[in-house]
Amino acid sequence: MVTHSNINFFTNWGKERLGEMEATVTALQAKAAEVQSDVREKATKVLADLCNQRDEFRDTLKKQSEAGEAAWTEVKSKLDADWRGFEAEVGKYVESFGKQIEHQQATFKLQADAQLKAWREAADKLGSDANKLASEHRGDIDAALTRMSADAIEAEKKLDKLKDAGTHSWSALMAALTETRRTFDRANEAAREAFKRAA
C-alpha cells in the first residue's frame, strides 16, 4: 500500500504536466489556422515537434506506471527536463506565432483547467488511499490533504482571476501557472511525506 501510494505522488506530478502539455497542444492546434500564411509552415513544424515531445512524455509515463519508486526517482529528473524543454518551446512558439492576446488567453485557460483537474484528481486519489490507512499518523495525512485542497482552491481563484482579466502578458500568465504548479508540487510532496511516516 505505502509503496503504491508513494508511486502515486510521482504519477500525480507526471499527470499534471501531461495534462498541461495536452491542453497546450490542443489550444495551439485550434489556433494554427490563424497563424500568418508566410510563417505557417514553420509554425506547423514547431507544433509537430511539440506534439512529439508530448507523446514521448506520455509514453515514458505509461512505461513507468508499473515501475517501483526507485525507477520513478531515476526517471523523474529526465521527465522534468523534458517538461522544461516543452515549456521553453511553447514560449518560443507563442512569441513567434501566437502573439494575439486571444490566442494566448485560450492557451492559458486550457492549461489552467488541466492543472486544476490534476489537483482535484490527486486530492481525490490521495484521500481514497488515506481512507485505507489506520495509523497514528493519519492526522498528518489528513492535514496534508486538507492543505492540498486549500491550496487548490487558492490556485483556482488566482487562475480564474487571470482567465477573466484577459489582458495579461504571456510571461505573466506562465508565471502564474508556474507558481501554482510549484504549490501543487509542495502539497504533493507534503502528502507523500505524511504517507511515508504512516508506513
C-alpha atoms as a PDB file:
ATOM      1  CA  MET A   1       0.000   0.000   0.000  1.00  0.00           C
ATOM      2  CA  VAL A   2       2.622   2.550   1.021  1.00  0.00           C
ATOM      3  CA  THR A   3       4.934   1.748  -1.882  1.00  0.00           C
ATOM      4  CA  HIS A   4       1.979   2.042  -4.241  1.00  0.00           C
ATOM      5  CA  SER A   5       0.972   5.323  -2.603  1.00  0.00           C
ATOM      6  CA  ASN A   6       4.487   6.711  -2.926  1.00  0.00           C
ATOM      7  CA  ILE A   7       4.364   5.963  -6.639  1.00  0.00           C
ATOM      8  CA  ASN A   8       1.053   7.853  -6.844  1.00  0.00           C
ATOM      9  CA  PHE A   9       2.915  11.017  -5.946  1.00  0.00           C
ATOM     10  CA  PHE A  10       5.173  10.600  -8.960  1.00  0.00           C
ATOM     11  CA  THR A  11       2.241   9.841 -11.231  1.00  0.00           C
ATOM     12  CA  ASN A  12       0.387  12.883  -9.857  1.00  0.00           C
ATOM     13  CA  TRP A  13       3.362  15.016 -10.819  1.00  0.00           C
ATOM     14  CA  GLY A  14       3.555  13.463 -14.295  1.00  0.00           C
ATOM     15  CA  LYS A  15      -0.184  13.583 -14.950  1.00  0.00           C
ATOM     16  CA  GLU A  16      -0.285  17.269 -14.071  1.00  0.00           C
ATOM     17  CA  ARG A  17       2.464  18.060 -16.580  1.00  0.00           C
ATOM     18  CA  LEU A  18       0.990  15.783 -19.245  1.00  0.00           C
ATOM     19  CA  GLY A  19      -2.419  17.382 -18.794  1.00  0.00           C
ATOM     20  CA  GLU A  20      -0.888  20.793 -19.381  1.00  0.00           C
ATOM     21  CA  MET A  21       1.007  19.508 -22.408  1.00  0.00           C
ATOM     22  CA  GLU A  22      -2.162  18.102 -23.935  1.00  0.00           C
ATOM     23  CA  ALA A  23      -4.099  21.290 -23.207  1.00  0.00           C
ATOM     24  CA  THR A  24      -1.346  23.393 -24.746  1.00  0.00           C
ATOM     25  CA  VAL A  25      -1.144  21.332 -27.920  1.00  0.00           C
ATOM     26  CA  THR A  26      -4.943  21.359 -28.233  1.00  0.00           C
ATOM     27  CA  ALA A  27      -5.070  25.149 -27.877  1.00  0.00           C
ATOM     28  CA  LEU A  28      -2.236  25.736 -30.317  1.00  0.00           C
ATOM     29  CA  GLN A  29      -3.717  23.354 -32.884  1.00  0.00           C
ATOM     30  CA  ALA A  30      -7.087  25.097 -32.616  1.00  0.00           C
ATOM     31  CA  LYS A  31      -5.462  28.434 -33.455  1.00  0.00           C
ATOM     32  CA  ALA A  32      -2.971  27.152 -36.055  1.00  0.00           C
ATOM     33  CA  ALA A  33      -5.083  28.334 -38.982  1.00  0.00           C
ATOM     34  CA  GLU A  34      -4.838  31.888 -37.645  1.00  0.00           C
ATOM     35  CA  VAL A  35      -1.043  31.958 -37.966  1.00  0.00           C
ATOM     36  CA  GLN A  36       0.075  34.233 -40.769  1.00  0.00           C
ATOM     37  CA  SER A  37       0.482  32.342 -44.024  1.00  0.00           C
ATOM     38  CA  ASP A  38       4.106  33.394 -44.542  1.00  0.00           C
ATOM     39  CA  VAL A  39       5.204  31.598 -41.354  1.00  0.00           C
ATOM     40  CA  ARG A  40       2.550  28.879 -41.174  1.00  0.00           C
ATOM     41  CA  GLU A  41       4.881  26.135 -42.452  1.00  0.00           C
ATOM     42  CA  LYS A  42       7.451  26.885 -39.751  1.00  0.00           C
ATOM     43  CA  ALA A  43       4.699  27.096 -37.116  1.00  0.00           C
ATOM     44  CA  THR A  44       3.324  23.733 -38.260  1.00  0.00           C
ATOM     45  CA  LYS A  45       6.760  22.143 -37.848  1.00  0.00           C
ATOM     46  CA  VAL A  46       7.193  23.573 -34.345  1.00  0.00           C
ATOM     47  CA  LEU A  47       3.714  22.392 -33.412  1.00  0.00           C
ATOM     48  CA  ALA A  48       4.537  18.904 -34.709  1.00  0.00           C
ATOM     49  CA  ASP A  49       7.681  18.927 -32.546  1.00  0.00           C
ATOM     50  CA  LEU A  50       5.577  19.898 -29.521  1.00  0.00           C
ATOM     51  CA  CYS A  51       3.214  17.012 -30.278  1.00  0.00           C
ATOM     52  CA  ASN A  52       6.182  14.629 -30.445  1.00  0.00           C
ATOM     53  CA  GLN A  53       7.527  15.911 -27.126  1.00  0.00           C
ATOM     54  CA  ARG A  54       4.115  15.420 -25.543  1.00  0.00           C
ATOM     55  CA  ASP A  55       3.838  11.905 -26.988  1.00  0.00           C
ATOM     56  CA  GLU A  56       7.296  10.930 -25.704  1.00  0.00           C
ATOM     57  CA  PHE A  57       6.429  12.281 -22.256  1.00  0.00           C
ATOM     58  CA  ARG A  58       3.163  10.304 -22.267  1.00  0.00           C
ATOM     59  CA  ASP A  59       4.948   7.135 -23.402  1.00  0.00           C
ATOM     60  CA  THR A  60       7.539   7.460 -20.645  1.00  0.00           C
ATOM     61  CA  LEU A  61       4.804   7.956 -18.054  1.00  0.00           C
ATOM     62  CA  LYS A  62       2.945   4.925 -19.347  1.00  0.00           C
ATOM     63  CA  LYS A  63       6.093   2.760 -19.158  1.00  0.00           C
ATOM     64  CA  GLN A  64       6.740   3.967 -15.605  1.00  0.00           C
ATOM     65  CA  SER A  65       3.203   3.293 -14.399  1.00  0.00           C
ATOM     66  CA  GLU A  66       4.155  -0.137 -13.090  1.00  0.00           C
ATOM     67  CA  ALA A  67       7.723   0.701 -12.054  1.00  0.00           C
ATOM     68  CA  GLY A  68       8.894   0.896  -8.475  1.00  0.00           C
ATOM     69  CA  GLU A  69       9.752   4.026  -6.565  1.00  0.00           C
ATOM     70  CA  ALA A  70      13.490   3.773  -7.291  1.00  0.00           C
ATOM     71  CA  ALA A  71      12.828   3.684 -11.033  1.00  0.00           C
ATOM     72  CA  TRP A  72      10.477   6.654 -10.735  1.00  0.00           C
ATOM     73  CA  THR A  73      13.049   8.663  -8.828  1.00  0.00           C
ATOM     74  CA  GLU A  74      15.559   7.975 -11.575  1.00  0.00           C
ATOM     75  CA  VAL A  75      13.302   8.919 -14.491  1.00  0.00           C
ATOM     76  CA  LYS A  76      11.704  11.949 -12.828  1.00  0.00           C
ATOM     77  CA  SER A  77      14.739  14.144 -13.495  1.00  0.00           C
ATOM     78  CA  LYS A  78      14.574  13.230 -17.199  1.00  0.00           C
ATOM     79  CA  LEU A  79      10.849  13.944 -17.305  1.00  0.00           C
ATOM     80  CA  ASP A  80      11.411  17.236 -15.508  1.00  0.00           C
ATOM     81  CA  ALA A  81      13.987  18.249 -18.129  1.00  0.00           C
ATOM     82  CA  ASP A  82      11.584  17.170 -20.885  1.00  0.00           C
ATOM     83  CA  TRP A  83       8.859  19.285 -19.288  1.00  0.00           C
ATOM     84  CA  ARG A  84      11.104  22.358 -19.083  1.00  0.00           C
ATOM     85  CA  GLY A  85      12.081  21.861 -22.733  1.00  0.00           C
ATOM     86  CA  PHE A  86       8.426  21.656 -23.733  1.00  0.00           C
ATOM     87  CA  GLU A  87       7.639  24.822 -21.779  1.00  0.00           C
ATOM     88  CA  ALA A  88      10.506  26.685 -23.430  1.00  0.00           C
ATOM     89  CA  GLU A  89       9.366  25.619 -26.910  1.00  0.00           C
ATOM     90  CA  VAL A  90       5.799  26.698 -26.176  1.00  0.00           C
ATOM     91  CA  GLY A  91       7.107  30.081 -25.074  1.00  0.00           C
ATOM     92  CA  LYS A  92       9.042  30.453 -28.323  1.00  0.00           C
ATOM     93  CA  TYR A  93       6.005  29.355 -30.338  1.00  0.00           C
ATOM     94  CA  VAL A  94       3.727  31.857 -28.676  1.00  0.00           C
ATOM     95  CA  GLU A  95       6.264  34.657 -29.052  1.00  0.00           C
ATOM     96  CA  SER A  96       6.790  33.830 -32.727  1.00  0.00           C
ATOM     97  CA  PHE A  97       3.368  32.763 -33.943  1.00  0.00           C
ATOM     98  CA  GLY A  98       0.721  33.350 -31.309  1.00  0.00           C
ATOM     99  CA  LYS A  99       1.051  36.988 -30.395  1.00  0.00           C
ATOM    100  CA  GLN A 100      -2.678  37.645 -30.424  1.00  0.00           C
ATOM    101  CA  ILE A 101      -3.911  38.063 -26.872  1.00  0.00           C
ATOM    102  CA  GLU A 102      -6.909  35.817 -27.621  1.00  0.00           C
ATOM    103  CA  HIS A 103      -4.553  33.029 -28.702  1.00  0.00           C
ATOM    104  CA  GLN A 104      -2.536  33.360 -25.514  1.00  0.00           C
ATOM    105  CA  GLN A 105      -5.642  33.533 -23.327  1.00  0.00           C
ATOM    106  CA  ALA A 106      -7.153  30.430 -24.951  1.00  0.00           C
ATOM    107  CA  THR A 107      -3.933  28.503 -24.371  1.00  0.00           C
ATOM    108  CA  PHE A 108      -3.673  29.716 -20.786  1.00  0.00           C
ATOM    109  CA  LYS A 109      -7.278  28.807 -19.993  1.00  0.00           C
ATOM    110  CA  LEU A 110      -6.812  25.238 -21.192  1.00  0.00           C
ATOM    111  CA  GLN A 111      -3.521  24.913 -19.294  1.00  0.00           C
ATOM    112  CA  ALA A 112      -5.064  26.291 -16.090  1.00  0.00           C
ATOM    113  CA  ASP A 113      -8.038  23.949 -16.408  1.00  0.00           C
ATOM    114  CA  ALA A 114      -5.705  20.979 -16.912  1.00  0.00           C
ATOM    115  CA  GLN A 115      -3.644  21.949 -13.890  1.00  0.00           C
ATOM    116  CA  LEU A 116      -6.704  22.317 -11.671  1.00  0.00           C
ATOM    117  CA  LYS A 117      -8.086  18.989 -12.898  1.00  0.00           C
ATOM    118  CA  ALA A 118      -4.807  17.319 -11.886  1.00  0.00           C
ATOM    119  CA  TRP A 119      -5.055  18.891  -8.405  1.00  0.00           C
ATOM    120  CA  ARG A 120      -8.571  17.566  -7.914  1.00  0.00           C
ATOM    121  CA  GLU A 121      -7.730  14.081  -9.148  1.00  0.00           C
ATOM    122  CA  ALA A 122      -4.612  13.908  -6.959  1.00  0.00           C
ATOM    123  CA  ALA A 123      -6.505  15.045  -3.869  1.00  0.00           C
ATOM    124  CA  ASP A 124      -9.293  12.536  -4.545  1.00  0.00           C
ATOM    125  CA  LYS A 125      -6.856   9.651  -5.081  1.00  0.00           C
ATOM    126  CA  LEU A 126      -4.785  10.513  -2.026  1.00  0.00           C
ATOM    127  CA  GLY A 127      -7.946  10.859   0.045  1.00  0.00           C
ATOM    128  CA  SER A 128      -9.021   7.416  -1.084  1.00  0.00           C
ATOM    129  CA  ASP A 129      -5.601   5.993  -0.182  1.00  0.00           C
ATOM    130  CA  ALA A 130      -5.716   7.734   3.202  1.00  0.00           C
ATOM    131  CA  ASN A 131      -9.066   6.131   3.986  1.00  0.00           C
ATOM    132  CA  LYS A 132      -7.385   2.739   3.683  1.00  0.00           C
ATOM    133  CA  LEU A 133      -4.849   3.585   6.382  1.00  0.00           C
ATOM    134  CA  ALA A 134      -5.404   3.084  10.055  1.00  0.00           C
ATOM    135  CA  SER A 135      -2.422   4.748  11.611  1.00  0.00           C
ATOM    136  CA  GLU A 136      -1.297   7.053  14.354  1.00  0.00           C
ATOM    137  CA  HIS A 137      -0.040   9.326  11.566  1.00  0.00           C
ATOM    138  CA  ARG A 138      -3.454   9.572   9.969  1.00  0.00           C
ATOM    139  CA  GLY A 139      -3.774  13.116  11.340  1.00  0.00           C
ATOM    140  CA  ASP A 140      -0.618  14.119   9.416  1.00  0.00           C
ATOM    141  CA  ILE A 141      -2.065  12.680   6.230  1.00  0.00           C
ATOM    142  CA  ASP A 142      -5.408  14.396   6.745  1.00  0.00           C
ATOM    143  CA  ALA A 143      -3.638  17.699   7.428  1.00  0.00           C
ATOM    144  CA  ALA A 144      -1.575  17.358   4.252  1.00  0.00           C
ATOM    145  CA  LEU A 145      -4.682  16.554   2.209  1.00  0.00           C
ATOM    146  CA  THR A 146      -6.577  19.475   3.746  1.00  0.00           C
ATOM    147  CA  ARG A 147      -3.663  21.753   2.883  1.00  0.00           C
ATOM    148  CA  MET A 148      -3.602  20.386  -0.676  1.00  0.00           C
ATOM    149  CA  SER A 149      -7.315  21.075  -1.072  1.00  0.00           C
ATOM    150  CA  ALA A 150      -6.980  24.584   0.364  1.00  0.00           C
ATOM    151  CA  ASP A 151      -4.025  25.308  -1.923  1.00  0.00           C
ATOM    152  CA  ALA A 152      -6.042  24.039  -4.892  1.00  0.00           C
ATOM    153  CA  ILE A 153      -8.891  26.405  -4.047  1.00  0.00           C
ATOM    154  CA  GLU A 154      -6.494  29.352  -3.791  1.00  0.00           C
ATOM    155  CA  ALA A 155      -4.804  28.385  -7.057  1.00  0.00           C
ATOM    156  CA  GLU A 156      -8.170  28.127  -8.766  1.00  0.00           C
ATOM    157  CA  LYS A 157      -9.142  31.616  -7.562  1.00  0.00           C
ATOM    158  CA  LYS A 158      -5.857  33.057  -8.774  1.00  0.00           C
ATOM    159  CA  LEU A 159      -6.031  31.363 -12.164  1.00  0.00           C
ATOM    160  CA  ASP A 160      -9.712  32.236 -12.619  1.00  0.00           C
ATOM    161  CA  LYS A 161      -8.933  35.887 -11.950  1.00  0.00           C
ATOM    162  CA  LEU A 162      -6.267  35.808 -14.662  1.00  0.00           C
ATOM    163  CA  LYS A 163      -8.559  33.931 -17.057  1.00  0.00           C
ATOM    164  CA  ASP A 164     -11.215  36.585 -16.627  1.00  0.00           C
ATOM    165  CA  ALA A 165      -8.872  39.567 -16.902  1.00  0.00           C
ATOM    166  CA  GLY A 166      -7.754  38.792 -20.450  1.00  0.00           C
ATOM    167  CA  THR A 167      -5.052  41.440 -20.761  1.00  0.00           C
ATOM    168  CA  HIS A 168      -2.045  39.886 -19.089  1.00  0.00           C
ATOM    169  CA  SER A 169       1.158  39.178 -20.963  1.00  0.00           C
ATOM    170  CA  TRP A 170       2.135  35.637 -21.821  1.00  0.00           C
ATOM    171  CA  SER A 171       5.013  35.779 -19.342  1.00  0.00           C
ATOM    172  CA  ALA A 172       2.633  36.887 -16.542  1.00  0.00           C
ATOM    173  CA  LEU A 173       0.251  34.040 -17.361  1.00  0.00           C
ATOM    174  CA  MET A 174       3.067  31.494 -17.403  1.00  0.00           C
ATOM    175  CA  ALA A 175       4.487  32.874 -14.145  1.00  0.00           C
ATOM    176  CA  ALA A 176       1.102  32.302 -12.502  1.00  0.00           C
ATOM    177  CA  LEU A 177       0.927  28.725 -13.800  1.00  0.00           C
ATOM    178  CA  THR A 178       4.489  28.085 -12.647  1.00  0.00           C
ATOM    179  CA  GLU A 179       3.674  29.417  -9.188  1.00  0.00           C
ATOM    180  CA  THR A 180       0.557  27.272  -8.821  1.00  0.00           C
ATOM    181  CA  ARG A 181       2.416  24.257 -10.221  1.00  0.00           C
ATOM    182  CA  ARG A 182       5.115  24.698  -7.551  1.00  0.00           C
ATOM    183  CA  THR A 183       2.417  24.935  -4.897  1.00  0.00           C
ATOM    184  CA  PHE A 184       0.931  21.683  -6.227  1.00  0.00           C
ATOM    185  CA  ASP A 185       4.369  20.043  -6.109  1.00  0.00           C
ATOM    186  CA  ARG A 186       4.920  21.161  -2.495  1.00  0.00           C
ATOM    187  CA  ALA A 187       1.473  19.916  -1.468  1.00  0.00           C
ATOM    188  CA  ASN A 188       2.027  16.635  -3.300  1.00  0.00           C
ATOM    189  CA  GLU A 189       5.421  16.190  -1.591  1.00  0.00           C
ATOM    190  CA  ALA A 190       3.967  17.016   1.849  1.00  0.00           C
ATOM    191  CA  ALA A 191       1.289  14.374   1.334  1.00  0.00           C
ATOM    192  CA  ARG A 192       3.945  11.904   0.174  1.00  0.00           C
ATOM    193  CA  GLU A 193       5.977  12.506   3.340  1.00  0.00           C
ATOM    194  CA  ALA A 194       2.892  12.082   5.512  1.00  0.00           C
ATOM    195  CA  PHE A 195       2.175   8.728   3.847  1.00  0.00           C
ATOM    196  CA  LYS A 196       5.785   7.650   4.354  1.00  0.00           C
ATOM    197  CA  ARG A 197       5.601   8.479   8.082  1.00  0.00           C
ATOM    198  CA  ALA A 198       2.448   6.397   8.300  1.00  0.00           C
ATOM    199  CA  ALA A 199       4.281   3.379   6.912  1.00  0.00           C
END
